[in-house]
Amino acid sequence: MSSANGIIFGTVNLACDEIKGKSVIELGARNVNGSLRPFIVSRSPAKYIGVDIEAGEGVDVICNAEKLLDKFERNSFNLVISTELLEHVREWKKVISNIKNLCCPGGILLITTRSIGFKYHGYPFDYWRYEVDDIRNIFSDFIIERIERDTSSPGVLLKARKPHAFSETDLSGYELYSIIAGKRVKEIEDAEIRQFMRRYKYNYILRKKIQNIVNRIIWIGA
């Protein structure tokens, strides 16, 4: 799943020689509202593997992001694409570590994710919001070639290269903004998720009832 600006970011910032003959993996690959896959495939990669947690268009392998290194070898991809995924994984530190370690030395990460201000969107879950400074800090062990705010909606776009002398940043103590907790936290507790979902469902039902009342008033007055 890609945002429109994420697709543009990829097409502008990925050179042909960074794709042609290369091994490419896309995480969160199911085509819901657009995909980088047609662009990547048109540049003749050696292989292109789309990974997601459920079957669908653009998905070749079904795998949870937390288990990527059980499925694929370390340092096995020249280009790792993660589009609109990172906000949806509860264990974000583990998933980001997996992403970094899938990428071979000299390889490229292309990442898009959402920032504070983007509404809750559970597909199927939604936990985190990343700011530009967060992405800079989290990927400080990579060479950041391009980083931008998404101008269409709150989000961050990143292109980074894995150094040959890679030493992974310790993120164990890092606090990230959680849309569930409403603040920066190291991790989310089960109780916080249950409380948030009860509140979210209540507000959703309330909005529906209000909308139905408004629609009836409009219909009666028509």
Protein backbone atom coordinates (compact mmCIF):
# COMPACT_ATOMS: atom_id res chain seq x y z
CA MET A 1 0.00 0.00 0.00
CA SER A 2 1.48 3.33 -1.05
CA SER A 3 0.49 6.97 -0.72
CA ALA A 4 0.38 9.03 -3.92
CA ASN A 5 3.33 11.11 -2.76
CA GLY A 6 5.16 7.95 -1.75
CA ILE A 7 4.90 6.64 -5.31
CA ILE A 8 6.12 9.98 -6.70
CA PHE A 9 8.97 10.01 -4.18
CA GLY A 10 10.08 6.55 -5.29
CA THR A 11 9.92 7.28 -9.01
CA VAL A 12 11.88 10.52 -8.60
CA ASN A 13 14.55 9.26 -6.21
CA LEU A 14 15.29 5.72 -7.43
CA ALA A 15 17.75 5.64 -10.32
CA CYS A 16 17.50 2.94 -12.98
CA ASP A 17 20.86 1.43 -12.00
CA GLU A 18 19.60 1.11 -8.41
CA ILE A 19 16.88 -1.25 -9.68
CA LYS A 20 18.04 -2.98 -12.87
CA GLY A 21 19.39 -6.44 -12.15
CA LYS A 22 18.87 -5.95 -8.40
CA SER A 23 17.01 -7.97 -5.78
CA VAL A 24 13.98 -6.02 -4.54
CA ILE A 25 11.56 -6.70 -1.69
CA GLU A 26 8.51 -4.60 -0.84
CA LEU A 27 6.98 -4.85 2.64
CA GLY A 28 3.33 -3.92 2.96
CA ALA A 29 2.98 -4.70 -0.73
CA ARG A 30 -0.75 -5.31 -1.10
CA ASN A 31 -2.08 -2.85 -3.66
CA VAL A 32 -4.89 -1.00 -1.91
CA ASN A 33 -4.57 2.51 -3.36
CA GLY A 34 -1.55 2.38 -5.63
CA SER A 35 1.83 0.67 -5.77
CA LEU A 36 5.44 1.26 -6.77
CA ARG A 37 5.57 -2.21 -8.28
CA PRO A 38 4.77 -1.26 -11.92
CA PHE A 39 7.54 1.35 -11.86
CA ILE A 40 10.07 -1.02 -10.27
CA VAL A 41 9.23 -3.91 -12.60
CA SER A 42 9.60 -1.63 -15.64
CA ARG A 43 13.25 -1.11 -14.60
CA SER A 44 13.99 -4.87 -14.88
CA PRO A 45 15.02 -5.99 -11.39
CA ALA A 46 16.51 -9.48 -11.04
CA LYS A 47 13.62 -10.31 -8.70
CA TYR A 48 10.79 -8.50 -6.98
CA ILE A 49 9.07 -10.01 -3.95
CA GLY A 50 5.96 -8.40 -2.49
CA VAL A 51 5.29 -9.27 1.17
CA ASP A 52 2.19 -8.61 3.24
CA ILE A 53 0.20 -10.16 6.08
CA GLU A 54 -2.63 -11.22 3.78
CA ALA A 55 -3.14 -12.22 0.17
CA GLY A 56 -3.99 -9.66 -2.48
CA GLU A 57 -2.79 -7.88 -5.58
CA GLY A 58 0.97 -7.39 -5.45
CA VAL A 59 1.54 -10.00 -2.72
CA ASP A 60 3.89 -12.90 -3.47
CA VAL A 61 4.67 -14.02 0.09
CA ILE A 62 2.48 -13.83 3.21
CA CYS A 63 4.62 -13.09 6.26
CA ASN A 64 4.41 -10.96 9.39
CA ALA A 65 7.03 -8.22 9.42
CA GLU A 66 8.23 -9.43 12.82
CA LYS A 67 9.27 -12.75 11.23
CA LEU A 68 10.99 -11.50 8.08
CA LEU A 69 14.39 -12.86 9.07
CA ASP A 70 12.86 -16.30 9.58
CA LYS A 71 11.74 -16.20 5.95
CA PHE A 72 14.56 -14.37 4.17
CA GLU A 73 18.34 -14.29 4.56
CA ARG A 74 20.16 -11.33 6.02
CA ASN A 75 21.78 -8.92 3.55
CA SER A 76 19.88 -10.53 0.66
CA PHE A 77 18.20 -7.52 -0.99
CA ASN A 78 19.66 -4.52 -2.83
CA LEU A 79 16.46 -2.50 -2.43
CA VAL A 80 14.04 -2.77 0.49
CA ILE A 81 10.77 -0.84 0.14
CA SER A 82 8.45 -0.29 3.10
CA THR A 83 5.37 1.73 2.19
CA GLU A 84 2.82 2.75 4.83
CA LEU A 85 3.78 -0.18 7.05
CA LEU A 86 5.72 1.07 10.05
CA GLU A 87 2.80 2.79 11.77
CA HIS A 88 0.89 -0.51 11.74
CA VAL A 89 3.38 -2.82 13.51
CA ARG A 90 3.26 -2.96 17.29
CA GLU A 91 6.87 -4.18 17.60
CA TRP A 92 8.31 -1.38 15.49
CA LYS A 93 11.86 -1.73 16.82
CA LYS A 94 12.04 -5.39 15.83
CA VAL A 95 10.50 -4.72 12.42
CA ILE A 96 12.89 -1.86 11.66
CA SER A 97 15.81 -4.04 12.73
CA ASN A 98 14.55 -6.72 10.34
CA ILE A 99 14.28 -4.19 7.52
CA LYS A 100 17.81 -2.93 8.11
CA ASN A 101 19.20 -6.45 8.16
CA LEU A 102 17.39 -7.57 4.99
CA CYS A 103 19.22 -4.81 3.13
CA CYS A 104 22.70 -5.68 1.87
CA PRO A 105 25.69 -3.36 2.43
CA GLY A 106 25.47 -0.59 -0.16
CA GLY A 107 21.78 -1.34 -0.64
CA ILE A 108 18.89 1.10 -0.38
CA LEU A 109 15.91 1.54 1.89
CA LEU A 110 12.87 3.42 0.59
CA ILE A 111 10.37 4.08 3.37
CA THR A 112 7.12 5.99 3.73
CA THR A 113 5.13 6.27 6.95
CA ARG A 114 2.69 8.55 8.79
CA SER A 115 3.24 11.41 11.25
CA ILE A 116 1.26 13.06 14.05
CA GLY A 117 -1.94 14.56 12.67
CA PHE A 118 -2.77 11.60 10.44
CA LYS A 119 -6.01 10.02 11.63
CA TYR A 120 -6.30 6.51 13.04
CA HIS A 121 -6.52 3.94 10.23
CA GLY A 122 -6.54 0.35 11.42
CA TYR A 123 -5.56 -1.89 8.51
CA PRO A 124 -5.84 -3.98 10.65
CA PHE A 125 -4.03 -2.06 13.42
CA ASP A 126 -2.52 1.41 13.82
CA TYR A 127 -0.08 2.23 16.61
CA TRP A 128 2.62 4.80 15.83
CA ARG A 129 3.45 8.19 14.31
CA TYR A 130 6.94 9.08 13.07
CA GLU A 131 8.28 12.61 12.70
CA VAL A 132 11.20 13.62 10.49
CA ASP A 133 13.51 13.77 13.52
CA ASP A 134 12.40 10.28 14.56
CA ILE A 135 13.31 8.89 11.16
CA ARG A 136 16.66 10.67 11.27
CA ASN A 137 17.40 9.18 14.69
CA ILE A 138 16.09 5.69 13.94
CA PHE A 139 18.06 5.46 10.70
CA SER A 140 21.19 7.24 11.94
CA ASP A 141 23.09 4.01 11.22
CA PHE A 142 22.29 4.44 7.49
CA ILE A 143 23.42 7.14 5.08
CA ILE A 144 20.34 9.32 4.58
CA GLU A 145 20.26 10.42 0.94
CA ARG A 146 16.82 12.04 0.95
CA ILE A 147 14.25 12.76 3.64
CA GLU A 148 11.06 14.78 3.18
CA ARG A 149 7.79 15.56 4.83
CA ASP A 150 4.81 14.29 2.87
CA THR A 151 3.13 17.50 1.68
CA SER A 152 -0.21 15.82 0.93
CA SER A 153 -0.86 14.50 4.46
CA PRO A 154 1.20 14.16 7.65
CA GLY A 155 4.00 11.70 6.89
CA VAL A 156 7.69 11.14 6.21
CA LEU A 157 9.46 9.89 3.06
CA LEU A 158 12.97 8.43 3.26
CA LYS A 159 15.68 7.13 0.97
CA ALA A 160 18.76 5.80 2.78
CA ARG A 161 21.76 3.64 1.94
CA LYS A 162 23.27 0.94 4.15
CA PRO A 163 26.96 1.60 4.82
CA HIS A 164 29.45 -1.20 4.26
CA ALA A 165 30.65 -0.76 7.84
CA PHE A 166 27.13 -1.12 9.28
CA SER A 167 26.71 -0.96 13.06
CA GLU A 168 23.06 -1.07 14.12
CA THR A 169 21.76 1.73 16.35
CA ASP A 170 20.43 0.61 19.73
CA LEU A 171 16.77 1.68 19.82
CA SER A 172 15.80 -0.20 22.98
CA GLY A 173 15.24 2.98 24.98
CA TYR A 174 13.72 5.06 22.18
CA GLU A 175 10.27 6.56 22.78
CA LEU A 176 7.97 7.04 19.79
CA TYR A 177 4.61 8.80 19.64
CA SER A 178 1.76 6.31 19.95
CA ILE A 179 -1.68 7.21 18.65
CA ILE A 180 -2.99 4.61 21.12
CA ALA A 181 -1.36 6.12 24.21
CA GLY A 182 -1.50 9.73 22.98
CA LYS A 183 2.11 10.32 23.99
CA ARG A 184 5.66 9.10 23.42
CA VAL A 185 6.26 5.66 24.88
CA LYS A 186 8.79 2.83 24.60
CA GLU A 187 6.04 0.26 24.03
CA ILE A 188 2.26 -0.08 24.19
CA GLU A 189 0.52 -2.00 26.96
CA ASP A 190 -2.40 -4.34 26.21
CA ALA A 191 -4.65 -2.35 28.56
CA GLU A 192 -3.97 0.83 26.58
CA ILE A 193 -5.02 -0.87 23.35
CA ARG A 194 -8.25 -2.18 24.89
CA GLN A 195 -9.09 1.23 26.33
CA PHE A 196 -8.37 2.99 23.03
CA MET A 197 -10.48 0.55 21.01
CA ARG A 198 -13.46 0.94 23.36
CA ARG A 199 -13.20 4.72 23.08
CA TYR A 200 -12.72 4.58 19.31
CA LYS A 201 -15.75 2.30 18.78
CA TYR A 202 -17.90 4.49 21.04
CA ASN A 203 -16.93 7.65 19.15
CA TYR A 204 -17.51 5.90 15.81
CA ILE A 205 -21.03 4.82 16.82
CA LEU A 206 -21.77 8.30 18.17
CA ARG A 207 -20.65 9.94 14.91
CA LYS A 208 -22.85 7.54 12.93
CA LYS A 209 -25.90 8.36 15.06
CA ILE A 210 -25.31 12.10 14.71
CA GLN A 211 -24.88 11.75 10.95
CA ASN A 212 -28.14 9.76 10.70
CA ILE A 213 -29.99 12.46 12.65
CA VAL A 214 -28.55 15.18 10.40
CA ASN A 215 -29.52 13.21 7.29
CA ARG A 216 -33.10 12.80 8.56
CA ILE A 217 -33.38 16.53 9.30
CA ILE A 218 -32.11 17.34 5.81
CA TRP A 219 -34.53 14.81 4.26
CA ILE A 220 -37.52 16.17 6.23
CA GLY A 221 -36.66 19.73 5.29
CA ALA A 222 -36.19 18.93 1.61
